[in-house]
Amino acid sequence: MKKAITSLLISILFLSVLTACGTKSGEAAKVLGLDVSKGEEISNYDTHGGFHGDGTTCIAYRFDDDTILEEIKSSSKWSEFPLNDTVQTLIYMMNNSGEHPIIPEIRNGYYLLIDRQNDAETDILHRYSFNFTLGLYDTDTNTLYFCELDT
């Protein structure tokens, strides 16, 4: 009986690990409303984990052509640069959460900010915690950044 329970627990743990792996790319496509499958993942930074799931995630995809740019331009959710003050501040916060900046300076592109906080009445920069997703597309390098911050 002890072996059966141990085997069951190991199986559950194994399945949990398998379902957690690789879900961020699918999540990026779903949340940003873009087909990222033709992009090459060039970096993946993720400090999420632990009991509460707090952390920072930033995945960068490089594309060979402008296909993803056409998707972004046809979406009403994305905004063209320049970045507004709120997005600039949020990028600064994400870049200073670790040793090295995870989002490089982008001069030309598009952005999408999704506020995932329940308290939508308070300005995003004046809250005690942050839960947001940020999509950034660099038109000079054909690079898409999918970033999340949860505190």
N, C-alpha and C. Protein backbone atom coordinates (compact mmCIF):
# COMPACT_ATOMS: atom_id res chain seq x y z
N MET A 1 0.83 -1.20 0.00
CA MET A 1 0.00 0.00 0.00
C MET A 1 0.87 1.26 0.00
N LYS A 2 1.95 1.21 0.79
CA LYS A 2 2.85 2.36 0.87
C LYS A 2 3.48 2.65 -0.49
N LYS A 3 3.85 1.57 -1.22
CA LYS A 3 4.45 1.73 -2.54
C LYS A 3 3.44 2.34 -3.52
N ALA A 4 2.20 1.93 -3.42
CA ALA A 4 1.16 2.45 -4.31
C ALA A 4 0.94 3.94 -4.08
N ILE A 5 0.89 4.35 -2.84
CA ILE A 5 0.71 5.77 -2.51
C ILE A 5 1.91 6.57 -2.97
N THR A 6 3.11 6.04 -2.72
CA THR A 6 4.32 6.73 -3.14
C THR A 6 4.36 6.86 -4.67
N SER A 7 4.02 5.79 -5.36
CA SER A 7 3.99 5.83 -6.83
C SER A 7 2.98 6.84 -7.34
N LEU A 8 1.82 6.89 -6.70
CA LEU A 8 0.79 7.84 -7.09
C LEU A 8 1.26 9.28 -6.89
N LEU A 9 1.89 9.55 -5.75
CA LEU A 9 2.39 10.90 -5.48
C LEU A 9 3.49 11.30 -6.46
N ILE A 10 4.37 10.36 -6.79
CA ILE A 10 5.43 10.65 -7.75
C ILE A 10 4.83 10.92 -9.13
N SER A 11 3.82 10.15 -9.50
CA SER A 11 3.16 10.37 -10.79
C SER A 11 2.49 11.74 -10.86
N ILE A 12 1.82 12.12 -9.79
CA ILE A 12 1.17 13.44 -9.75
C ILE A 12 2.21 14.54 -9.85
N LEU A 13 3.30 14.41 -9.12
CA LEU A 13 4.37 15.40 -9.17
C LEU A 13 4.95 15.48 -10.57
N PHE A 14 5.20 14.35 -11.19
CA PHE A 14 5.74 14.31 -12.55
C PHE A 14 4.82 14.99 -13.55
N LEU A 15 3.53 14.69 -13.46
CA LEU A 15 2.56 15.32 -14.35
C LEU A 15 2.48 16.82 -14.13
N SER A 16 2.60 17.26 -12.88
CA SER A 16 2.59 18.69 -12.58
C SER A 16 3.76 19.39 -13.23
N VAL A 17 4.93 18.76 -13.16
CA VAL A 17 6.12 19.34 -13.78
C VAL A 17 5.96 19.40 -15.29
N LEU A 18 5.45 18.33 -15.88
CA LEU A 18 5.26 18.31 -17.34
C LEU A 18 4.29 19.37 -17.81
N THR A 19 3.21 19.57 -17.08
CA THR A 19 2.22 20.56 -17.52
C THR A 19 2.72 21.97 -17.31
N ALA A 20 3.65 22.17 -16.40
CA ALA A 20 4.20 23.51 -16.16
C ALA A 20 5.22 23.88 -17.22
N CYS A 21 5.88 22.89 -17.81
CA CYS A 21 6.92 23.16 -18.80
C CYS A 21 6.28 23.54 -20.13
N GLY A 22 6.81 24.57 -20.75
CA GLY A 22 6.37 24.93 -22.08
C GLY A 22 5.05 25.66 -22.16
N THR A 23 4.44 25.99 -21.05
CA THR A 23 3.14 26.64 -21.11
C THR A 23 3.28 28.14 -21.34
N LYS A 24 4.42 28.73 -21.06
CA LYS A 24 4.58 30.18 -21.22
C LYS A 24 4.49 30.60 -22.68
N SER A 25 5.01 29.81 -23.61
CA SER A 25 4.90 30.16 -25.03
C SER A 25 3.44 30.16 -25.47
N GLY A 26 2.71 29.14 -25.06
CA GLY A 26 1.29 29.09 -25.37
C GLY A 26 0.55 30.23 -24.71
N GLU A 27 0.95 30.57 -23.50
CA GLU A 27 0.32 31.68 -22.79
C GLU A 27 0.63 32.99 -23.49
N ALA A 28 1.84 33.15 -23.97
CA ALA A 28 2.22 34.37 -24.69
C ALA A 28 1.33 34.56 -25.90
N ALA A 29 1.14 33.51 -26.67
CA ALA A 29 0.30 33.58 -27.86
C ALA A 29 -1.13 33.94 -27.49
N LYS A 30 -1.65 33.29 -26.47
CA LYS A 30 -3.04 33.51 -26.07
C LYS A 30 -3.24 34.93 -25.52
N VAL A 31 -2.39 35.34 -24.61
CA VAL A 31 -2.56 36.64 -23.95
C VAL A 31 -2.32 37.80 -24.92
N LEU A 32 -1.28 37.69 -25.73
CA LEU A 32 -0.95 38.78 -26.65
C LEU A 32 -1.79 38.74 -27.92
N GLY A 33 -2.47 37.63 -28.16
CA GLY A 33 -3.29 37.51 -29.36
C GLY A 33 -2.48 37.39 -30.63
N LEU A 34 -1.31 36.77 -30.53
CA LEU A 34 -0.40 36.65 -31.67
C LEU A 34 0.05 35.21 -31.85
N ASP A 35 0.41 34.86 -33.08
CA ASP A 35 0.97 33.55 -33.37
C ASP A 35 2.48 33.64 -33.25
N VAL A 36 3.01 33.19 -32.11
CA VAL A 36 4.46 33.28 -31.88
C VAL A 36 5.20 32.03 -32.34
N SER A 37 4.49 31.08 -32.93
CA SER A 37 5.09 29.81 -33.31
C SER A 37 6.19 29.94 -34.36
N LYS A 38 6.16 31.00 -35.17
CA LYS A 38 7.18 31.18 -36.20
C LYS A 38 8.40 31.93 -35.67
N GLY A 39 8.34 32.36 -34.41
CA GLY A 39 9.46 33.05 -33.81
C GLY A 39 10.42 32.09 -33.14
N GLU A 40 11.67 32.50 -33.06
CA GLU A 40 12.69 31.72 -32.37
C GLU A 40 12.84 32.30 -30.97
N GLU A 41 12.67 31.47 -29.96
CA GLU A 41 12.85 31.93 -28.59
C GLU A 41 14.33 32.19 -28.38
N ILE A 42 14.69 33.46 -28.09
CA ILE A 42 16.10 33.81 -27.94
C ILE A 42 16.49 34.06 -26.48
N SER A 43 15.50 34.27 -25.62
CA SER A 43 15.79 34.36 -24.19
C SER A 43 14.54 34.05 -23.40
N ASN A 44 14.77 33.54 -22.19
CA ASN A 44 13.67 33.18 -21.31
C ASN A 44 14.11 33.40 -19.87
N TYR A 45 13.55 34.42 -19.26
CA TYR A 45 13.88 34.78 -17.89
C TYR A 45 12.62 34.57 -17.06
N ASP A 46 12.72 33.76 -16.00
CA ASP A 46 11.54 33.49 -15.19
C ASP A 46 11.92 33.27 -13.74
N THR A 47 11.43 34.15 -12.87
CA THR A 47 11.67 34.00 -11.44
C THR A 47 10.40 33.62 -10.71
N HIS A 48 9.32 33.34 -11.45
CA HIS A 48 8.08 32.90 -10.81
C HIS A 48 8.32 31.57 -10.12
N GLY A 49 7.60 31.34 -9.09
CA GLY A 49 7.75 30.09 -8.36
C GLY A 49 7.40 30.32 -6.91
N GLY A 50 7.64 29.35 -6.12
CA GLY A 50 7.32 29.48 -4.71
C GLY A 50 5.84 29.37 -4.48
N PHE A 51 5.45 29.61 -3.28
CA PHE A 51 4.08 29.40 -2.85
C PHE A 51 3.09 30.38 -3.49
N HIS A 52 3.46 31.65 -3.58
CA HIS A 52 2.52 32.66 -4.07
C HIS A 52 2.62 32.92 -5.57
N GLY A 53 3.64 32.41 -6.22
CA GLY A 53 3.78 32.61 -7.66
C GLY A 53 4.26 33.99 -8.05
N ASP A 54 4.81 34.74 -7.09
CA ASP A 54 5.34 36.06 -7.42
C ASP A 54 6.60 35.92 -8.25
N GLY A 55 6.87 36.92 -9.06
CA GLY A 55 8.10 36.91 -9.85
C GLY A 55 7.94 37.65 -11.15
N THR A 56 9.00 37.56 -11.93
CA THR A 56 9.08 38.23 -13.22
C THR A 56 9.35 37.19 -14.29
N THR A 57 8.64 37.32 -15.39
CA THR A 57 8.87 36.48 -16.56
C THR A 57 9.07 37.39 -17.76
N CYS A 58 10.05 37.06 -18.59
CA CYS A 58 10.21 37.78 -19.84
C CYS A 58 10.79 36.82 -20.87
N ILE A 59 10.03 36.58 -21.91
CA ILE A 59 10.45 35.70 -23.00
C ILE A 59 10.58 36.54 -24.26
N ALA A 60 11.69 36.40 -24.95
CA ALA A 60 11.92 37.15 -26.19
C ALA A 60 11.92 36.20 -27.38
N TYR A 61 11.22 36.61 -28.44
CA TYR A 61 11.13 35.84 -29.68
C TYR A 61 11.63 36.71 -30.82
N ARG A 62 12.51 36.15 -31.65
CA ARG A 62 12.97 36.87 -32.83
C ARG A 62 12.30 36.25 -34.06
N PHE A 63 11.88 37.13 -34.98
CA PHE A 63 11.18 36.70 -36.18
C PHE A 63 12.00 37.04 -37.42
N ASP A 64 11.90 36.19 -38.44
CA ASP A 64 12.65 36.38 -39.68
C ASP A 64 12.01 37.39 -40.62
N ASP A 65 10.71 37.62 -40.45
CA ASP A 65 10.01 38.52 -41.36
C ASP A 65 9.04 39.40 -40.57
N ASP A 66 8.21 40.15 -41.29
CA ASP A 66 7.28 41.10 -40.66
C ASP A 66 5.89 40.52 -40.43
N THR A 67 5.74 39.21 -40.48
CA THR A 67 4.42 38.59 -40.31
C THR A 67 3.80 38.98 -38.97
N ILE A 68 4.57 38.90 -37.91
CA ILE A 68 4.04 39.23 -36.58
C ILE A 68 3.72 40.72 -36.49
N LEU A 69 4.49 41.55 -37.18
CA LEU A 69 4.22 42.99 -37.21
C LEU A 69 2.87 43.27 -37.85
N GLU A 70 2.55 42.55 -38.90
CA GLU A 70 1.24 42.73 -39.55
C GLU A 70 0.11 42.34 -38.60
N GLU A 71 0.30 41.29 -37.80
CA GLU A 71 -0.70 40.90 -36.81
C GLU A 71 -0.88 42.00 -35.77
N ILE A 72 0.23 42.57 -35.32
CA ILE A 72 0.18 43.64 -34.31
C ILE A 72 -0.53 44.86 -34.87
N LYS A 73 -0.19 45.25 -36.08
CA LYS A 73 -0.80 46.43 -36.70
C LYS A 73 -2.31 46.26 -36.91
N SER A 74 -2.73 45.03 -37.14
CA SER A 74 -4.15 44.81 -37.38
C SER A 74 -4.96 44.67 -36.08
N SER A 75 -4.28 44.66 -34.95
CA SER A 75 -4.95 44.55 -33.66
C SER A 75 -5.18 45.93 -33.06
N SER A 76 -6.35 46.16 -32.52
CA SER A 76 -6.64 47.44 -31.88
C SER A 76 -6.09 47.51 -30.47
N LYS A 77 -5.58 46.40 -29.95
CA LYS A 77 -5.06 46.36 -28.57
C LYS A 77 -3.66 46.94 -28.45
N TRP A 78 -2.90 46.90 -29.51
CA TRP A 78 -1.51 47.35 -29.49
C TRP A 78 -1.42 48.84 -29.82
N SER A 79 -0.46 49.51 -29.18
CA SER A 79 -0.22 50.94 -29.42
C SER A 79 1.19 51.13 -29.97
N GLU A 80 1.31 52.10 -30.85
CA GLU A 80 2.62 52.40 -31.43
C GLU A 80 3.43 53.27 -30.48
N PHE A 81 4.75 53.12 -30.51
CA PHE A 81 5.63 53.98 -29.71
C PHE A 81 5.42 55.42 -30.11
N PRO A 82 5.67 56.39 -29.27
CA PRO A 82 6.44 56.32 -28.03
C PRO A 82 5.62 55.73 -26.88
N LEU A 83 6.35 55.17 -25.91
CA LEU A 83 5.73 54.59 -24.73
C LEU A 83 5.14 55.70 -23.86
N ASN A 84 4.03 55.39 -23.20
CA ASN A 84 3.51 56.36 -22.25
C ASN A 84 4.31 56.26 -20.95
N ASP A 85 4.12 57.21 -20.05
CA ASP A 85 4.91 57.27 -18.81
C ASP A 85 4.70 56.03 -17.94
N THR A 86 3.49 55.51 -17.91
CA THR A 86 3.20 54.34 -17.09
C THR A 86 4.00 53.13 -17.58
N VAL A 87 3.99 52.87 -18.86
CA VAL A 87 4.72 51.72 -19.42
C VAL A 87 6.22 51.91 -19.22
N GLN A 88 6.73 53.11 -19.40
CA GLN A 88 8.15 53.36 -19.16
C GLN A 88 8.53 53.03 -17.72
N THR A 89 7.69 53.42 -16.78
CA THR A 89 7.96 53.15 -15.37
C THR A 89 7.90 51.65 -15.08
N LEU A 90 6.94 50.96 -15.65
CA LEU A 90 6.82 49.52 -15.42
C LEU A 90 8.02 48.77 -16.00
N ILE A 91 8.51 49.18 -17.16
CA ILE A 91 9.70 48.56 -17.74
C ILE A 91 10.90 48.81 -16.83
N TYR A 92 11.01 50.01 -16.32
CA TYR A 92 12.10 50.34 -15.40
C TYR A 92 12.05 49.43 -14.18
N MET A 93 10.85 49.23 -13.62
CA MET A 93 10.69 48.34 -12.46
C MET A 93 11.11 46.92 -12.79
N MET A 94 10.71 46.42 -13.96
CA MET A 94 11.06 45.05 -14.34
C MET A 94 12.56 44.91 -14.56
N ASN A 95 13.17 45.91 -15.16
CA ASN A 95 14.60 45.86 -15.43
C ASN A 95 15.44 45.94 -14.17
N ASN A 96 14.91 46.50 -13.12
CA ASN A 96 15.66 46.63 -11.88
C ASN A 96 15.32 45.56 -10.87
N SER A 97 14.61 44.52 -11.31
CA SER A 97 14.26 43.44 -10.39
C SER A 97 15.38 42.40 -10.30
N GLY A 98 16.36 42.47 -11.19
CA GLY A 98 17.46 41.51 -11.18
C GLY A 98 18.78 42.21 -11.42
N GLU A 99 19.82 41.41 -11.67
CA GLU A 99 21.16 41.94 -11.87
C GLU A 99 21.30 42.69 -13.19
N HIS A 100 20.72 42.13 -14.24
CA HIS A 100 20.85 42.69 -15.58
C HIS A 100 19.48 43.08 -16.12
N PRO A 101 19.41 44.13 -16.93
CA PRO A 101 18.13 44.47 -17.56
C PRO A 101 17.63 43.32 -18.42
N ILE A 102 16.34 43.02 -18.31
CA ILE A 102 15.79 41.93 -19.11
C ILE A 102 15.12 42.44 -20.38
N ILE A 103 14.83 43.73 -20.41
CA ILE A 103 14.24 44.35 -21.60
C ILE A 103 15.21 45.43 -22.08
N PRO A 104 15.75 45.28 -23.28
CA PRO A 104 16.68 46.30 -23.78
C PRO A 104 15.93 47.57 -24.17
N GLU A 105 16.68 48.61 -24.42
CA GLU A 105 16.06 49.85 -24.90
C GLU A 105 15.50 49.60 -26.30
N ILE A 106 14.26 49.97 -26.46
CA ILE A 106 13.59 49.82 -27.76
C ILE A 106 13.21 51.22 -28.24
N ARG A 107 13.66 51.58 -29.42
CA ARG A 107 13.39 52.92 -29.95
C ARG A 107 12.12 52.98 -30.80
N ASN A 108 11.87 51.93 -31.55
CA ASN A 108 10.72 51.90 -32.46
C ASN A 108 9.96 50.60 -32.27
N GLY A 109 8.65 50.72 -32.13
CA GLY A 109 7.89 49.50 -31.98
C GLY A 109 6.46 49.72 -31.53
N TYR A 110 5.93 48.68 -30.92
CA TYR A 110 4.54 48.66 -30.45
C TYR A 110 4.52 48.05 -29.06
N TYR A 111 3.49 48.40 -28.29
CA TYR A 111 3.37 47.84 -26.95
C TYR A 111 1.92 47.56 -26.59
N LEU A 112 1.77 46.66 -25.63
CA LEU A 112 0.47 46.26 -25.12
C LEU A 112 0.61 46.06 -23.61
N LEU A 113 -0.20 46.76 -22.84
CA LEU A 113 -0.20 46.62 -21.38
C LEU A 113 -1.53 46.02 -20.96
N ILE A 114 -1.45 44.91 -20.22
CA ILE A 114 -2.65 44.25 -19.69
C ILE A 114 -2.55 44.26 -18.17
N ASP A 115 -3.45 44.99 -17.55
CA ASP A 115 -3.51 45.08 -16.10
C ASP A 115 -4.31 43.90 -15.58
N ARG A 116 -3.67 43.01 -14.83
CA ARG A 116 -4.34 41.82 -14.31
C ARG A 116 -4.70 41.96 -12.83
N GLN A 117 -4.61 43.16 -12.31
CA GLN A 117 -4.91 43.41 -10.90
C GLN A 117 -6.42 43.52 -10.70
N ASN A 118 -6.90 42.99 -9.60
CA ASN A 118 -8.33 43.08 -9.29
C ASN A 118 -8.76 44.52 -8.99
N ASP A 119 -7.85 45.30 -8.42
CA ASP A 119 -8.15 46.67 -8.03
C ASP A 119 -7.89 47.61 -9.22
N ALA A 120 -8.79 47.62 -10.17
CA ALA A 120 -8.61 48.43 -11.38
C ALA A 120 -8.94 49.90 -11.16
N GLU A 121 -9.52 50.23 -10.02
CA GLU A 121 -9.88 51.63 -9.76
C GLU A 121 -8.69 52.47 -9.34
N THR A 122 -7.70 51.86 -8.71
CA THR A 122 -6.50 52.57 -8.29
C THR A 122 -5.50 52.57 -9.44
N ASP A 123 -4.83 53.71 -9.65
CA ASP A 123 -3.83 53.82 -10.70
C ASP A 123 -2.78 52.73 -10.52
N ILE A 124 -2.38 52.11 -11.61
CA ILE A 124 -1.46 50.97 -11.56
C ILE A 124 -0.16 51.29 -10.83
N LEU A 125 0.31 52.52 -10.93
CA LEU A 125 1.58 52.89 -10.30
C LEU A 125 1.45 53.22 -8.81
N HIS A 126 0.24 53.27 -8.30
CA HIS A 126 0.01 53.64 -6.90
C HIS A 126 -0.62 52.50 -6.10
N ARG A 127 -0.26 51.29 -6.44
CA ARG A 127 -0.80 50.12 -5.74
C ARG A 127 0.29 49.50 -4.87
N TYR A 128 -0.16 48.65 -3.96
CA TYR A 128 0.78 47.95 -3.09
C TYR A 128 1.38 46.73 -3.77
N SER A 129 0.74 46.25 -4.81
CA SER A 129 1.25 45.11 -5.55
C SER A 129 0.98 45.31 -7.04
N PHE A 130 1.69 44.54 -7.84
CA PHE A 130 1.57 44.65 -9.29
C PHE A 130 1.31 43.28 -9.90
N ASN A 131 0.37 43.23 -10.81
CA ASN A 131 0.08 42.03 -11.59
C ASN A 131 -0.28 42.50 -12.99
N PHE A 132 0.70 42.47 -13.88
CA PHE A 132 0.45 42.94 -15.23
C PHE A 132 1.25 42.13 -16.24
N THR A 133 0.79 42.20 -17.47
CA THR A 133 1.47 41.59 -18.61
C THR A 133 1.82 42.70 -19.58
N LEU A 134 3.01 42.63 -20.12
CA LEU A 134 3.47 43.65 -21.04
C LEU A 134 3.99 42.97 -22.31
N GLY A 135 3.46 43.38 -23.45
CA GLY A 135 3.96 42.94 -24.73
C GLY A 135 4.69 44.09 -25.39
N LEU A 136 5.89 43.84 -25.87
CA LEU A 136 6.68 44.86 -26.56
C LEU A 136 7.20 44.26 -27.86
N TYR A 137 7.10 45.01 -28.94
CA TYR A 137 7.64 44.56 -30.21
C TYR A 137 8.61 45.60 -30.74
N ASP A 138 9.85 45.18 -30.95
CA ASP A 138 10.90 46.04 -31.47
C ASP A 138 10.93 45.89 -32.99
N THR A 139 10.50 46.93 -33.71
CA THR A 139 10.43 46.85 -35.17
C THR A 139 11.82 46.90 -35.81
N ASP A 140 12.82 47.39 -35.10
CA ASP A 140 14.17 47.44 -35.65
C ASP A 140 14.84 46.08 -35.67
N THR A 141 14.49 45.22 -34.71
CA THR A 141 15.13 43.90 -34.61
C THR A 141 14.16 42.74 -34.82
N ASN A 142 12.89 43.04 -35.09
CA ASN A 142 11.84 42.01 -35.23
C ASN A 142 11.80 41.09 -34.01
N THR A 143 11.85 41.72 -32.83
CA THR A 143 11.86 40.96 -31.58
C THR A 143 10.62 41.29 -30.76
N LEU A 144 9.96 40.24 -30.30
CA LEU A 144 8.77 40.36 -29.46
C LEU A 144 9.13 39.95 -28.04
N TYR A 145 8.71 40.77 -27.07
CA TYR A 145 8.94 40.48 -25.65
C TYR A 145 7.59 40.26 -24.98
N PHE A 146 7.47 39.14 -24.31
CA PHE A 146 6.28 38.81 -23.51
C PHE A 146 6.75 38.82 -22.06
N CYS A 147 6.25 39.79 -21.29
CA CYS A 147 6.74 39.95 -19.91
C CYS A 147 5.56 40.00 -18.94
N GLU A 148 5.78 39.43 -17.77
CA GLU A 148 4.78 39.47 -16.70
C GLU A 148 5.49 39.78 -15.39
N LEU A 149 4.82 40.58 -14.58
CA LEU A 149 5.30 40.87 -13.24
C LEU A 149 4.16 40.60 -12.26
N ASP A 150 4.44 39.82 -11.25
CA ASP A 150 3.48 39.50 -10.21
C ASP A 150 4.15 39.71 -8.86
N THR A 151 3.55 40.58 -8.04
CA THR A 151 4.13 40.82 -6.71
C THR A 151 3.09 40.56 -5.64
